[in-house]
Amino acid sequence: MSKNLKIILVSAAGAALLLAAVFSGLQRAGAARDERLDWSDISGLVTARGLGEAVSEVDRRLAAHPNDALFHYYRARLYYEADQGKEALEEADKAIKLGYAQEISHVLKALIYGRIFDDRAKQKELATKALVYDPTYDDGYLVRAEADFALGEFKACASDAAAFSSLSPGAVDGYQLSLLCLEQLKDYAGAEKAGLKFLKLRPNNHVVQWRLGMLYAAQGLHKRALKRFSEAIRLSGGRPKYYLHRAASCEALGDFSCAAWDYSSAMDWQQISGYASYYYLLGSAMYRIGELDYAKQAAETAMDKDPANPLNYGLRGRLRAELGDLAGAKKDFKTMALSPSQKKEAAALLDQLKNK
C-alpha cells in the first residue's frame, strides 16, 4: 500500500505535550478523470499562486465533473488546510457518498474533527472507522494514535504508534509518537528505543535529541542527558527550553558555571525573560559562581517583575552584603522577614550581618 499522509509531530514545552501536524504527501489519491490532475499539481499551485488559486482550479474542474469524488476530496483537503472545518467536512462527506476511498476520506474527517474542532474523541472514532475499511492502512493507526495521546490514553497510543511503524518502518512519525506515549507510561527503555530509531532515520532532529535528554534526566542520568541537550542546542542553534534543561542537568552534576551561563543564554528569549522566576534562577546561579555584578542585576530585575516575592529580597540582600552594602542588605532581610515562611531564614541572615 502506498502512503498518502505524513505527519510531523512537534513537542511543545511543558508538562502537557501538544502535537501539531501537517500533511506532506498524497500519493494514494490518483488523477481525476481524463483531465489529469493529481495532488502534486494542486500542491504546486498552492506553492506558486496560493490556496485561493488552487481552490479555484478544483472548482473549475468540478463544474465540468460535478460527481467526481476525487475532486470533492481535493476540495475537502484544501478547506482543511485553510482551517475551514465546516466546508471541509461537507466536501469530505460528498466524496464519501460518491464512493471515494473510504479509509482515506474517513481519516481526513478524523483530522478535521481533531485538529480544527479539537474533538479528539471524534478523531479516534473516525480513524477507527477508516481502519474497519482497511485494517492495513498505516495512516489510520497514526491518526488514531495522535487522538489517543491527546485523550491521555497512552497505552492505546503506544500500541497504535507501534502498528504504524510496523507497516511503515521507514517513517519517523510512529517512532516519535511511541517515544512520547511510552515516556508518559514511564517505560523509559521503550521510549529510548523509539527515540533512537527515529534518530537513525533523522539524526539531525534537535527536538528528539531534546526529548531523549529529558528522558535521561527523568532517570537521573544527567551525563547522558547533558550530551543530548548539548546536541539539541548545536543542531538548533539554541532554544530557551534546551538551555534551561541543560542548566538543570549541569546543576545536578555540580557544574555550576555551565548552569549559570545556560540560564543566561536562555534569557535571550522573550518567553523566558518575561518571568521573574527565571531571573531569580539566573541570579542565584551567578551568585554561586561569584559573578556578583551579573547576579545583582538579575536579582534586581526579578524584584522589578515580582516585588512581593520574599525570595527576591533574600537574594538581593545576600548580594548587597557580599558587595559591602550592609545597610541595603539589612533592609532587604527585614522585608524578607515579613513573610512567615521566610522569617526564620531572614533572622539568621540578619544575625550574620552583625558579625560583618
Protein backbone atom coordinates (compact mmCIF):
# COMPACT_ATOMS: atom_id res chain seq x y z
CA MET A 1 0.00 0.00 0.00
CA SER A 2 1.34 3.45 -0.89
CA LYS A 3 1.16 6.26 1.68
CA ASN A 4 -0.88 9.41 1.30
CA LEU A 5 -0.21 11.21 4.55
CA LYS A 6 2.88 12.01 6.56
CA ILE A 7 2.61 13.59 9.96
CA ILE A 8 5.36 15.62 11.57
CA LEU A 9 4.95 15.86 15.32
CA VAL A 10 6.30 18.79 17.23
CA SER A 11 6.50 18.70 21.03
CA ALA A 12 5.75 21.79 22.93
CA ALA A 13 7.46 22.63 26.15
CA GLY A 14 5.79 21.96 29.47
CA ALA A 15 4.03 19.10 31.13
CA ALA A 16 1.21 18.91 28.60
CA LEU A 17 2.71 17.95 25.24
CA LEU A 18 0.66 19.32 22.40
CA LEU A 19 1.05 17.85 18.95
CA ALA A 20 0.89 19.82 15.71
CA ALA A 21 0.92 18.05 12.37
CA VAL A 22 0.66 18.72 8.65
CA PHE A 23 0.16 16.67 5.51
CA SER A 24 3.22 16.34 3.30
CA GLY A 25 2.11 13.96 0.57
CA LEU A 26 -0.82 12.40 -1.23
CA GLN A 27 0.44 9.62 -3.47
CA ARG A 28 -2.51 7.34 -2.85
CA ALA A 29 -5.06 9.65 -4.43
CA GLY A 30 -4.85 9.24 -8.19
CA ALA A 31 -5.70 11.51 -11.08
CA ALA A 32 -9.22 12.75 -11.73
CA ARG A 33 -10.88 11.51 -14.94
CA ASP A 34 -9.17 12.07 -18.25
CA GLU A 35 -8.17 15.64 -17.35
CA ARG A 36 -5.24 14.56 -15.27
CA LEU A 37 -4.99 16.46 -12.01
CA ASP A 38 -3.26 14.87 -9.07
CA TRP A 39 -2.32 16.22 -5.68
CA SER A 40 1.19 17.16 -6.79
CA ASP A 41 -0.39 19.54 -9.34
CA ILE A 42 -2.59 21.11 -6.66
CA SER A 43 0.26 21.32 -4.18
CA GLY A 44 2.41 23.04 -6.77
CA LEU A 45 -0.39 25.50 -7.49
CA VAL A 46 -0.73 26.29 -3.77
CA THR A 47 3.01 26.96 -3.56
CA ALA A 48 3.13 29.07 -6.72
CA ARG A 49 -0.12 31.03 -6.54
CA GLY A 50 -1.67 30.44 -3.14
CA LEU A 51 -4.51 28.43 -1.70
CA GLY A 52 -7.22 30.51 -3.34
CA GLU A 53 -5.93 29.73 -6.84
CA ALA A 54 -5.83 26.02 -6.03
CA VAL A 55 -9.44 26.09 -4.81
CA SER A 56 -10.49 27.96 -7.96
CA GLU A 57 -8.83 25.34 -10.16
CA VAL A 58 -10.57 22.48 -8.35
CA ASP A 59 -13.88 24.37 -8.58
CA ARG A 60 -13.38 24.76 -12.34
CA ARG A 61 -12.83 21.02 -12.72
CA LEU A 62 -15.84 20.26 -10.52
CA ALA A 63 -18.06 22.44 -12.70
CA ALA A 64 -17.28 20.07 -15.58
CA HIS A 65 -17.40 16.89 -13.46
CA PRO A 66 -19.73 17.59 -10.50
CA ASN A 67 -19.85 13.94 -9.43
CA ASP A 68 -16.13 13.29 -9.45
CA ALA A 69 -15.46 12.04 -5.92
CA LEU A 70 -11.74 12.76 -6.08
CA PHE A 71 -12.31 16.44 -6.87
CA HIS A 72 -14.59 16.71 -3.83
CA TYR A 73 -11.87 15.08 -1.76
CA TYR A 74 -9.32 17.56 -3.09
CA ARG A 75 -11.59 20.45 -2.18
CA ALA A 76 -12.14 18.98 1.30
CA ARG A 77 -8.40 18.74 1.71
CA LEU A 78 -7.89 22.35 0.64
CA TYR A 79 -10.58 23.58 3.03
CA TYR A 80 -8.91 21.57 5.78
CA GLU A 81 -5.57 23.23 5.11
CA ALA A 82 -7.35 26.61 5.24
CA ASP A 83 -8.82 25.70 8.66
CA GLN A 84 -12.34 25.87 7.24
CA GLY A 85 -13.67 22.89 9.13
CA LYS A 86 -17.37 23.10 8.23
CA GLU A 87 -16.71 23.35 4.50
CA ALA A 88 -14.06 20.62 4.67
CA LEU A 89 -16.49 18.21 6.34
CA GLU A 90 -19.19 18.92 3.75
CA GLU A 91 -16.82 18.14 0.90
CA ALA A 92 -15.42 15.04 2.61
CA ASP A 93 -18.96 13.72 3.07
CA LYS A 94 -19.66 14.30 -0.63
CA ALA A 95 -16.50 12.37 -1.53
CA ILE A 96 -17.61 9.51 0.74
CA LYS A 97 -21.15 9.48 -0.71
CA LEU A 98 -19.76 9.39 -4.25
CA GLY A 99 -17.59 6.39 -3.36
CA TYR A 100 -14.11 7.80 -2.96
CA ALA A 101 -11.68 5.63 -0.95
CA GLN A 102 -13.42 5.26 2.40
CA GLU A 103 -10.33 4.83 4.54
CA ILE A 104 -8.68 8.00 3.16
CA SER A 105 -11.87 10.06 3.42
CA HIS A 106 -12.58 8.99 6.99
CA VAL A 107 -9.01 9.75 8.05
CA LEU A 108 -9.39 13.24 6.59
CA LYS A 109 -12.63 13.69 8.56
CA ALA A 110 -10.80 12.45 11.66
CA LEU A 111 -8.14 15.13 11.19
CA ILE A 112 -10.73 17.84 10.64
CA TYR A 113 -12.50 16.97 13.88
CA GLY A 114 -9.29 16.53 15.83
CA ARG A 115 -7.15 19.42 14.67
CA ILE A 116 -9.71 22.05 13.71
CA PHE A 117 -12.53 21.34 16.17
CA ASP A 118 -10.33 19.78 18.88
CA ASP A 119 -12.74 16.85 19.18
CA ARG A 120 -10.23 14.10 19.81
CA ALA A 121 -12.88 11.51 20.69
CA LYS A 122 -14.45 12.01 17.25
CA GLN A 123 -11.00 11.86 15.69
CA LYS A 124 -10.42 8.48 17.29
CA GLU A 125 -13.87 7.22 16.27
CA LEU A 126 -13.36 8.17 12.62
CA ALA A 127 -9.81 6.82 12.48
CA THR A 128 -11.16 3.53 13.85
CA LYS A 129 -13.84 3.54 11.15
CA ALA A 130 -11.16 4.07 8.50
CA LEU A 131 -9.33 1.01 9.80
CA VAL A 132 -12.52 -1.05 9.54
CA TYR A 133 -12.48 -0.33 5.81
CA ASP A 134 -8.77 -1.15 5.56
CA PRO A 135 -7.00 -2.69 8.59
CA THR A 136 -3.65 -2.32 6.82
CA TYR A 137 -3.98 1.44 6.33
CA ASP A 138 -0.93 2.80 8.11
CA ASP A 139 -2.08 6.40 8.47
CA GLY A 140 -5.27 5.26 10.18
CA TYR A 141 -3.16 3.97 13.07
CA LEU A 142 -1.06 7.13 13.17
CA VAL A 143 -4.07 9.47 13.28
CA ARG A 144 -5.72 7.32 15.94
CA ALA A 145 -2.50 7.29 17.95
CA GLU A 146 -2.46 11.08 17.88
CA ALA A 147 -6.03 11.10 19.23
CA ASP A 148 -5.06 8.54 21.88
CA PHE A 149 -2.23 10.80 23.03
CA ALA A 150 -4.44 13.88 23.26
CA LEU A 151 -7.03 11.87 25.22
CA GLY A 152 -4.38 10.62 27.67
CA GLU A 153 -4.84 7.03 26.55
CA PHE A 154 -1.14 6.33 26.42
CA LYS A 155 -1.24 2.52 26.22
CA ALA A 156 -3.53 2.71 23.21
CA CYS A 157 -1.31 5.43 21.75
CA ALA A 158 1.80 3.26 22.09
CA SER A 159 0.01 0.31 20.51
CA ASP A 160 -1.26 2.32 17.54
CA ALA A 161 2.10 4.03 17.04
CA ALA A 162 3.79 0.61 17.01
CA ALA A 163 1.23 -0.64 14.47
CA PHE A 164 2.02 2.31 12.21
CA SER A 165 5.75 1.69 12.50
CA SER A 166 5.35 -2.00 11.67
CA LEU A 167 3.55 -1.01 8.46
CA SER A 168 5.89 1.90 7.67
CA PRO A 169 9.26 1.18 9.32
CA GLY A 170 10.98 3.82 7.21
CA ALA A 171 8.78 6.64 8.55
CA VAL A 172 9.76 8.59 11.66
CA ASP A 173 6.26 9.57 12.77
CA GLY A 174 5.41 6.37 14.60
CA TYR A 175 8.70 6.36 16.49
CA GLN A 176 8.20 9.91 17.72
CA LEU A 177 4.68 9.17 18.95
CA SER A 178 5.96 5.98 20.58
CA LEU A 179 8.63 7.98 22.40
CA LEU A 180 6.07 10.45 23.74
CA CYS A 181 3.49 7.84 24.75
CA LEU A 182 5.98 5.44 26.34
CA GLU A 183 7.58 8.33 28.20
CA GLN A 184 4.19 9.12 29.73
CA LEU A 185 3.90 5.46 30.77
CA LYS A 186 7.40 5.71 32.31
CA ASP A 187 8.55 2.92 30.02
CA TYR A 188 11.91 4.62 29.67
CA ALA A 189 13.62 1.73 27.91
CA GLY A 190 10.87 1.55 25.28
CA ALA A 191 10.81 5.32 24.83
CA GLU A 192 14.58 5.43 24.42
CA LYS A 193 14.44 2.67 21.82
CA ALA A 194 11.81 4.58 19.84
CA GLY A 195 13.82 7.79 20.03
CA LEU A 196 16.99 6.10 18.82
CA LYS A 197 15.11 4.54 15.89
CA PHE A 198 13.87 8.00 14.99
CA LEU A 199 17.39 9.43 15.11
CA LYS A 200 18.72 6.62 12.97
CA LEU A 201 16.42 7.93 10.23
CA ARG A 202 16.72 11.64 11.09
CA PRO A 203 19.98 12.16 13.02
CA ASN A 204 19.77 15.95 12.81
CA ASN A 205 16.41 16.30 14.53
CA HIS A 206 17.01 18.54 17.55
CA VAL A 207 13.54 18.02 19.07
CA VAL A 208 14.06 14.28 19.53
CA GLN A 209 17.58 14.91 20.85
CA TRP A 210 15.98 17.15 23.47
CA ARG A 211 13.24 14.61 24.27
CA LEU A 212 15.88 11.94 24.84
CA GLY A 213 17.71 14.35 27.14
CA MET A 214 14.50 14.82 29.12
CA LEU A 215 14.10 11.05 29.25
CA TYR A 216 17.58 10.55 30.72
CA ALA A 217 17.19 13.45 33.15
CA ALA A 218 13.97 11.92 34.50
CA GLN A 219 16.00 8.82 35.37
CA GLY A 220 18.81 10.82 36.97
CA LEU A 221 21.19 10.00 34.11
CA HIS A 222 22.40 13.57 33.81
CA LYS A 223 25.67 12.90 31.96
CA ARG A 224 23.72 11.26 29.16
CA ALA A 225 21.08 13.98 29.35
CA LEU A 226 23.75 16.66 29.07
CA LYS A 227 25.07 15.18 25.84
CA ARG A 228 21.60 15.13 24.30
CA PHE A 229 20.77 18.67 25.39
CA SER A 230 24.11 19.89 24.01
CA GLU A 231 23.43 18.18 20.69
CA ALA A 232 19.94 19.69 20.56
CA ILE A 233 21.45 23.14 21.11
CA ARG A 234 24.10 22.57 18.45
CA LEU A 235 21.62 21.35 15.86
CA SER A 236 19.00 24.01 16.52
CA GLY A 237 21.25 26.99 17.12
CA GLY A 238 19.71 27.23 20.59
CA ARG A 239 16.25 27.14 22.12
CA PRO A 240 15.34 28.51 25.56
CA LYS A 241 13.97 25.22 26.87
CA TYR A 242 17.11 23.39 25.73
CA TYR A 243 19.31 25.77 27.71
CA LEU A 244 17.06 25.58 30.78
CA HIS A 245 17.05 21.79 30.82
CA ARG A 246 20.79 21.58 30.23
CA ALA A 247 21.28 24.06 33.10
CA ALA A 248 19.30 21.75 35.39
CA SER A 249 21.46 18.76 34.42
CA CYS A 250 24.61 20.85 34.87
CA GLU A 251 23.45 21.73 38.39
CA ALA A 252 22.74 18.07 39.15
CA LEU A 253 26.30 17.24 38.06
CA GLY A 254 27.79 20.05 40.15
CA ASP A 255 28.87 22.10 37.14
CA PHE A 256 27.55 25.42 38.39
CA SER A 257 29.39 27.54 35.83
CA CYS A 258 27.70 25.64 32.99
CA ALA A 259 24.33 26.10 34.72
CA ALA A 260 24.83 29.83 35.25
CA TRP A 261 25.75 30.61 31.66
CA ASP A 262 23.00 28.38 30.29
CA TYR A 263 20.46 30.31 32.36
CA SER A 264 21.98 33.47 30.92
CA SER A 265 21.64 32.14 27.36
CA ALA A 266 18.00 31.21 27.94
CA MET A 267 17.21 34.82 28.86
CA ASP A 268 17.75 35.85 25.23
CA TRP A 269 14.19 34.66 24.52
CA GLN A 270 11.20 36.80 25.45
CA GLN A 271 9.13 33.85 26.69
CA ILE A 272 11.80 33.32 29.35
CA SER A 273 12.87 36.89 30.07
CA GLY A 274 9.30 37.89 30.87
CA TYR A 275 9.24 35.86 34.09
CA ALA A 276 10.71 36.93 37.42
CA SER A 277 11.34 33.32 38.46
CA TYR A 278 13.93 32.84 35.70
CA TYR A 279 15.80 35.97 36.77
CA TYR A 280 15.84 34.57 40.29
CA LEU A 281 17.36 31.32 38.97
CA LEU A 282 19.88 33.29 36.92
CA GLY A 283 20.82 35.49 39.85
CA SER A 284 21.23 32.51 42.19
CA ALA A 285 23.38 30.67 39.65
CA MET A 286 25.62 33.68 39.01
CA TYR A 287 25.94 34.27 42.78
CA ARG A 288 27.07 30.67 43.21
CA ILE A 289 29.98 31.10 40.77
CA GLY A 290 31.00 34.52 42.11
CA GLU A 291 29.68 36.66 39.25
CA LEU A 292 28.25 39.16 41.71
CA ASP A 293 27.51 42.03 39.34
CA TYR A 294 25.61 39.76 36.94
CA ALA A 295 23.83 38.20 39.90
CA LYS A 296 22.79 41.55 41.40
CA GLN A 297 21.48 42.78 38.07
CA ALA A 298 19.38 39.61 37.68
CA ALA A 299 18.12 39.84 41.27
CA GLU A 300 17.03 43.44 40.81
CA THR A 301 15.20 42.54 37.58
CA ALA A 302 13.44 39.72 39.44
CA MET A 303 12.38 42.24 42.09
CA ASP A 304 11.10 44.69 39.49
CA LYS A 305 8.95 41.96 37.98
CA ASP A 306 7.79 40.43 41.27
CA PRO A 307 8.28 42.90 44.16
CA ALA A 308 6.12 40.85 46.55
CA ASN A 309 8.29 37.72 46.44
CA PRO A 310 10.41 37.44 49.63
CA LEU A 311 12.92 35.16 47.89
CA ASN A 312 13.94 38.02 45.64
CA TYR A 313 14.69 40.20 48.68
CA GLY A 314 16.71 37.39 50.20
CA LEU A 315 18.82 37.01 47.06
CA ARG A 316 19.45 40.73 46.66
CA GLY A 317 20.19 41.06 50.37
CA ARG A 318 22.88 38.38 50.18
CA LEU A 319 24.42 40.09 47.17
CA ARG A 320 24.35 43.50 48.83
CA ALA A 321 26.10 42.01 51.85
CA GLU A 322 28.78 40.45 49.62
CA LEU A 323 29.31 43.77 47.86
CA GLY A 324 29.63 45.68 51.15
CA ASP A 325 26.22 47.37 51.19
CA LEU A 326 25.31 46.21 54.69
CA ALA A 327 22.57 48.79 55.20
CA GLY A 328 20.87 47.74 51.97
CA ALA A 329 21.23 44.08 52.90
CA LYS A 330 19.67 44.69 56.31
CA LYS A 331 16.73 46.45 54.71
CA ASP A 332 16.17 43.55 52.29
CA PHE A 333 16.35 40.91 55.03
CA LYS A 334 13.84 42.85 57.15
CA THR A 335 11.44 42.93 54.20
CA MET A 336 12.07 39.23 53.66
CA ALA A 337 11.19 38.57 57.32
CA LEU A 338 7.66 39.89 56.77
CA SER A 339 6.88 36.59 55.04
CA PRO A 340 6.03 33.88 57.63
CA SER A 341 7.67 31.20 55.50
CA GLN A 342 10.96 33.16 55.28
CA LYS A 343 11.00 34.70 58.78
CA LYS A 344 13.39 32.15 60.30
CA GLU A 345 15.90 32.32 57.47
CA ALA A 346 15.75 36.12 57.38
CA ALA A 347 16.52 36.24 61.12
CA ALA A 348 19.60 34.04 60.57
CA LEU A 349 20.79 36.33 57.78
CA LEU A 350 20.33 39.40 59.95
CA ASP A 351 22.39 37.73 62.69
CA GLN A 352 25.18 37.10 60.18
CA LEU A 353 25.24 40.81 59.32
CA LYS A 354 26.08 41.66 62.95
CA ASN A 355 29.40 39.84 62.57
CA LYS A 356 30.45 41.77 59.46
